Amino acid sequence: MSEEEGRGGAARRLISSGSPFERAYGYSRAVAIGDDVFVSGTTGYDYATMTMPADPAEQARAIYATFAEVLGQAGASLADVVRLRTYVTDPAFCAPVLAVQGEVFGDIRPAATIVVVSALLTSEMKVEIEADARVGVRR
């Protein structure tokens, strides 16, 4: 994790999940500025095993586990999430992916969007999710 000066003097913290692609492609898993945390589009890819679950619901679970880890590095948690953007490659994936969202976010109920797209980066990727959080908004 490194820090840079953000707008208005707020520290900009770059948060990594350890993906080799972050430095190679010039992005961070998340960026925290003040109390705001912006989590990049995340898939269910496991860099430790170099595998991805085939099931879209399991991909969503893996994504939320990554979110919990990177939000923790930013001093936040899943309870601080205020916005989700979910992309799936088949309309049939909406129900199982949203069921996992309901399990994870229950009473937190962030603003959320789900969009069906024609493809993600690879054919094994069925789900990609982005999140925005604000530290301290817990209910």
C-alpha atoms as a PDB file:
ATOM      1  CA  MET A   1       0.000   0.000   0.000  1.00  0.00           C
ATOM      2  CA  SER A   2       1.305   3.448  -0.817  1.00  0.00           C
ATOM      3  CA  GLU A   3       0.024   6.921  -0.100  1.00  0.00           C
ATOM      4  CA  GLU A   4      -0.228   9.997  -2.275  1.00  0.00           C
ATOM      5  CA  GLU A   5      -1.656  13.442  -1.652  1.00  0.00           C
ATOM      6  CA  GLY A   6      -5.270  13.610  -2.857  1.00  0.00           C
ATOM      7  CA  ARG A   7      -7.466  16.574  -3.668  1.00  0.00           C
ATOM      8  CA  GLY A   8      -8.033  18.918  -0.790  1.00  0.00           C
ATOM      9  CA  GLY A   9      -5.070  17.483   1.084  1.00  0.00           C
ATOM     10  CA  ALA A  10      -6.722  14.136   1.903  1.00  0.00           C
ATOM     11  CA  ALA A  11      -4.309  11.205   1.803  1.00  0.00           C
ATOM     12  CA  ARG A  12      -4.870   8.876  -1.115  1.00  0.00           C
ATOM     13  CA  ARG A  13      -4.119   5.279  -0.138  1.00  0.00           C
ATOM     14  CA  LEU A  14      -3.673   2.627  -2.806  1.00  0.00           C
ATOM     15  CA  ILE A  15      -4.788  -0.791  -1.580  1.00  0.00           C
ATOM     16  CA  SER A  16      -3.634  -4.007  -3.228  1.00  0.00           C
ATOM     17  CA  SER A  17      -5.114  -7.491  -3.177  1.00  0.00           C
ATOM     18  CA  GLY A  18      -1.806  -8.916  -4.350  1.00  0.00           C
ATOM     19  CA  SER A  19      -2.908  -9.415  -7.948  1.00  0.00           C
ATOM     20  CA  PRO A  20       0.029  -9.299 -10.355  1.00  0.00           C
ATOM     21  CA  PHE A  21      -2.186  -7.353 -12.750  1.00  0.00           C
ATOM     22  CA  GLU A  22      -2.533  -4.268 -10.541  1.00  0.00           C
ATOM     23  CA  ARG A  23       0.948  -2.894 -11.185  1.00  0.00           C
ATOM     24  CA  ALA A  24       1.148  -4.286 -14.730  1.00  0.00           C
ATOM     25  CA  TYR A  25      -2.132  -2.655 -15.795  1.00  0.00           C
ATOM     26  CA  GLY A  26      -1.909   0.485 -13.654  1.00  0.00           C
ATOM     27  CA  TYR A  27      -4.801   0.117 -11.217  1.00  0.00           C
ATOM     28  CA  SER A  28      -5.413  -0.568  -7.537  1.00  0.00           C
ATOM     29  CA  ARG A  29      -7.858  -3.054  -6.051  1.00  0.00           C
ATOM     30  CA  ALA A  30      -9.126  -0.115  -4.016  1.00  0.00           C
ATOM     31  CA  VAL A  31      -8.368   3.543  -3.423  1.00  0.00           C
ATOM     32  CA  ALA A  32      -9.173   5.202  -0.110  1.00  0.00           C
ATOM     33  CA  ILE A  33      -9.418   8.975   0.149  1.00  0.00           C
ATOM     34  CA  GLY A  34     -10.446  10.263   3.536  1.00  0.00           C
ATOM     35  CA  ASP A  35     -13.486   8.233   4.630  1.00  0.00           C
ATOM     36  CA  ASP A  36     -14.325   7.085   1.085  1.00  0.00           C
ATOM     37  CA  VAL A  37     -13.174   3.735  -0.311  1.00  0.00           C
ATOM     38  CA  PHE A  38     -13.608   2.845  -3.978  1.00  0.00           C
ATOM     39  CA  VAL A  39     -13.179  -0.848  -4.815  1.00  0.00           C
ATOM     40  CA  SER A  40     -12.340  -1.709  -8.428  1.00  0.00           C
ATOM     41  CA  GLY A  41     -14.286  -4.198 -10.467  1.00  0.00           C
ATOM     42  CA  THR A  42     -13.465  -7.539  -8.865  1.00  0.00           C
ATOM     43  CA  THR A  43     -13.968 -11.077 -10.124  1.00  0.00           C
ATOM     44  CA  GLY A  44     -13.907 -14.381  -8.277  1.00  0.00           C
ATOM     45  CA  TYR A  45     -10.389 -15.217  -9.443  1.00  0.00           C
ATOM     46  CA  ASP A  46      -8.196 -16.743  -6.733  1.00  0.00           C
ATOM     47  CA  TYR A  47      -4.601 -15.657  -7.360  1.00  0.00           C
ATOM     48  CA  ALA A  48      -3.248 -18.138  -4.796  1.00  0.00           C
ATOM     49  CA  THR A  49      -4.611 -21.151  -6.696  1.00  0.00           C
ATOM     50  CA  MET A  50      -4.940 -19.476 -10.112  1.00  0.00           C
ATOM     51  CA  THR A  51      -8.522 -20.748 -10.334  1.00  0.00           C
ATOM     52  CA  MET A  52     -12.055 -19.386 -10.473  1.00  0.00           C
ATOM     53  CA  PRO A  53     -15.248 -21.117  -9.342  1.00  0.00           C
ATOM     54  CA  ALA A  54     -17.495 -22.099 -12.244  1.00  0.00           C
ATOM     55  CA  ASP A  55     -20.696 -21.208 -10.374  1.00  0.00           C
ATOM     56  CA  PRO A  56     -21.724 -17.510 -10.529  1.00  0.00           C
ATOM     57  CA  ALA A  57     -22.952 -17.523  -6.916  1.00  0.00           C
ATOM     58  CA  GLU A  58     -19.592 -18.884  -5.756  1.00  0.00           C
ATOM     59  CA  GLN A  59     -17.848 -16.219  -7.830  1.00  0.00           C
ATOM     60  CA  ALA A  60     -19.929 -13.588  -5.991  1.00  0.00           C
ATOM     61  CA  ARG A  61     -18.986 -15.112  -2.614  1.00  0.00           C
ATOM     62  CA  ALA A  62     -15.306 -14.990  -3.577  1.00  0.00           C
ATOM     63  CA  ILE A  63     -15.695 -11.364  -4.665  1.00  0.00           C
ATOM     64  CA  TYR A  64     -17.272 -10.369  -1.348  1.00  0.00           C
ATOM     65  CA  ALA A  65     -14.467 -12.153   0.526  1.00  0.00           C
ATOM     66  CA  THR A  66     -11.967 -10.038  -1.431  1.00  0.00           C
ATOM     67  CA  PHE A  67     -14.020  -6.932  -0.647  1.00  0.00           C
ATOM     68  CA  ALA A  68     -13.928  -7.738   3.082  1.00  0.00           C
ATOM     69  CA  GLU A  69     -10.144  -8.066   2.934  1.00  0.00           C
ATOM     70  CA  VAL A  70      -9.432  -4.852   1.023  1.00  0.00           C
ATOM     71  CA  LEU A  71     -12.018  -2.830   2.907  1.00  0.00           C
ATOM     72  CA  GLY A  72     -10.366  -4.002   6.121  1.00  0.00           C
ATOM     73  CA  GLN A  73      -7.034  -2.674   4.849  1.00  0.00           C
ATOM     74  CA  ALA A  74      -8.769   0.690   4.423  1.00  0.00           C
ATOM     75  CA  GLY A  75     -10.240   0.658   7.926  1.00  0.00           C
ATOM     76  CA  ALA A  76     -13.704  -0.189   6.609  1.00  0.00           C
ATOM     77  CA  SER A  77     -15.904  -3.266   6.450  1.00  0.00           C
ATOM     78  CA  LEU A  78     -18.732  -4.656   4.360  1.00  0.00           C
ATOM     79  CA  ALA A  79     -21.078  -2.771   6.737  1.00  0.00           C
ATOM     80  CA  ASP A  80     -19.670   0.486   5.305  1.00  0.00           C
ATOM     81  CA  VAL A  81     -20.603  -0.314   1.682  1.00  0.00           C
ATOM     82  CA  VAL A  82     -23.005   2.275   0.261  1.00  0.00           C
ATOM     83  CA  ARG A  83     -22.998   1.377  -3.457  1.00  0.00           C
ATOM     84  CA  LEU A  84     -22.621  -1.816  -5.528  1.00  0.00           C
ATOM     85  CA  ARG A  85     -22.388  -2.224  -9.298  1.00  0.00           C
ATOM     86  CA  THR A  86     -22.720  -5.824 -10.475  1.00  0.00           C
ATOM     87  CA  TYR A  87     -22.096  -7.101 -13.993  1.00  0.00           C
ATOM     88  CA  VAL A  88     -23.153 -10.599 -15.083  1.00  0.00           C
ATOM     89  CA  THR A  89     -22.778 -12.269 -18.477  1.00  0.00           C
ATOM     90  CA  ASP A  90     -26.163 -14.035 -18.507  1.00  0.00           C
ATOM     91  CA  PRO A  91     -29.593 -12.948 -17.213  1.00  0.00           C
ATOM     92  CA  ALA A  92     -29.911 -16.370 -15.552  1.00  0.00           C
ATOM     93  CA  PHE A  93     -27.046 -15.393 -13.211  1.00  0.00           C
ATOM     94  CA  CYS A  94     -28.962 -12.454 -11.716  1.00  0.00           C
ATOM     95  CA  ALA A  95     -31.043 -14.438  -9.211  1.00  0.00           C
ATOM     96  CA  PRO A  96     -28.210 -16.535  -7.704  1.00  0.00           C
ATOM     97  CA  VAL A  97     -25.807 -13.573  -7.579  1.00  0.00           C
ATOM     98  CA  LEU A  98     -28.425 -11.306  -6.000  1.00  0.00           C
ATOM     99  CA  ALA A  99     -29.244 -14.046  -3.462  1.00  0.00           C
ATOM    100  CA  VAL A 100     -25.600 -13.951  -2.326  1.00  0.00           C
ATOM    101  CA  GLN A 101     -25.766 -10.139  -2.221  1.00  0.00           C
ATOM    102  CA  GLY A 102     -28.790 -10.476   0.073  1.00  0.00           C
ATOM    103  CA  GLU A 103     -26.919 -12.926   2.329  1.00  0.00           C
ATOM    104  CA  VAL A 104     -23.920 -10.611   2.602  1.00  0.00           C
ATOM    105  CA  PHE A 105     -25.657  -7.242   2.845  1.00  0.00           C
ATOM    106  CA  GLY A 106     -29.023  -8.101   4.472  1.00  0.00           C
ATOM    107  CA  ASP A 107     -29.920  -5.063   6.593  1.00  0.00           C
ATOM    108  CA  ILE A 108     -27.022  -2.973   5.229  1.00  0.00           C
ATOM    109  CA  ARG A 109     -28.905  -2.635   1.929  1.00  0.00           C
ATOM    110  CA  PRO A 110     -26.513  -0.485  -0.143  1.00  0.00           C
ATOM    111  CA  ALA A 111     -27.708   1.212  -3.313  1.00  0.00           C
ATOM    112  CA  ALA A 112     -27.169  -1.396  -6.024  1.00  0.00           C
ATOM    113  CA  THR A 113     -27.314  -1.962  -9.760  1.00  0.00           C
ATOM    114  CA  ILE A 114     -27.045  -5.185 -11.744  1.00  0.00           C
ATOM    115  CA  VAL A 115     -26.322  -5.121 -15.466  1.00  0.00           C
ATOM    116  CA  VAL A 116     -26.159  -7.938 -17.995  1.00  0.00           C
ATOM    117  CA  VAL A 117     -23.148  -7.517 -20.290  1.00  0.00           C
ATOM    118  CA  SER A 118     -22.108  -9.489 -23.362  1.00  0.00           C
ATOM    119  CA  ALA A 119     -18.755 -10.541 -21.900  1.00  0.00           C
ATOM    120  CA  LEU A 120     -16.138  -9.940 -19.245  1.00  0.00           C
ATOM    121  CA  LEU A 121     -12.377 -10.250 -19.705  1.00  0.00           C
ATOM    122  CA  THR A 122     -12.400 -14.053 -20.006  1.00  0.00           C
ATOM    123  CA  SER A 123     -15.210 -16.541 -20.637  1.00  0.00           C
ATOM    124  CA  GLU A 124     -14.779 -18.101 -17.165  1.00  0.00           C
ATOM    125  CA  MET A 125     -15.609 -14.737 -15.562  1.00  0.00           C
ATOM    126  CA  LYS A 126     -19.375 -14.651 -15.103  1.00  0.00           C
ATOM    127  CA  VAL A 127     -19.591 -11.907 -12.458  1.00  0.00           C
ATOM    128  CA  GLU A 128     -17.724  -8.683 -11.753  1.00  0.00           C
ATOM    129  CA  ILE A 129     -18.660  -6.318  -8.930  1.00  0.00           C
ATOM    130  CA  GLU A 130     -17.524  -2.808  -7.907  1.00  0.00           C
ATOM    131  CA  ALA A 131     -18.192  -1.218  -4.518  1.00  0.00           C
ATOM    132  CA  ASP A 132     -18.021   2.166  -2.849  1.00  0.00           C
ATOM    133  CA  ALA A 133     -17.852   2.473   0.914  1.00  0.00           C
ATOM    134  CA  ARG A 134     -17.732   5.271   3.450  1.00  0.00           C
ATOM    135  CA  VAL A 135     -16.040   4.537   6.754  1.00  0.00           C
ATOM    136  CA  GLY A 136     -18.299   5.138   9.715  1.00  0.00           C
ATOM    137  CA  VAL A 137     -21.719   4.791   8.075  1.00  0.00           C
ATOM    138  CA  ARG A 138     -22.552   1.619   9.991  1.00  0.00           C
ATOM    139  CA  ARG A 139     -26.120   1.294  11.130  1.00  0.00           C
END
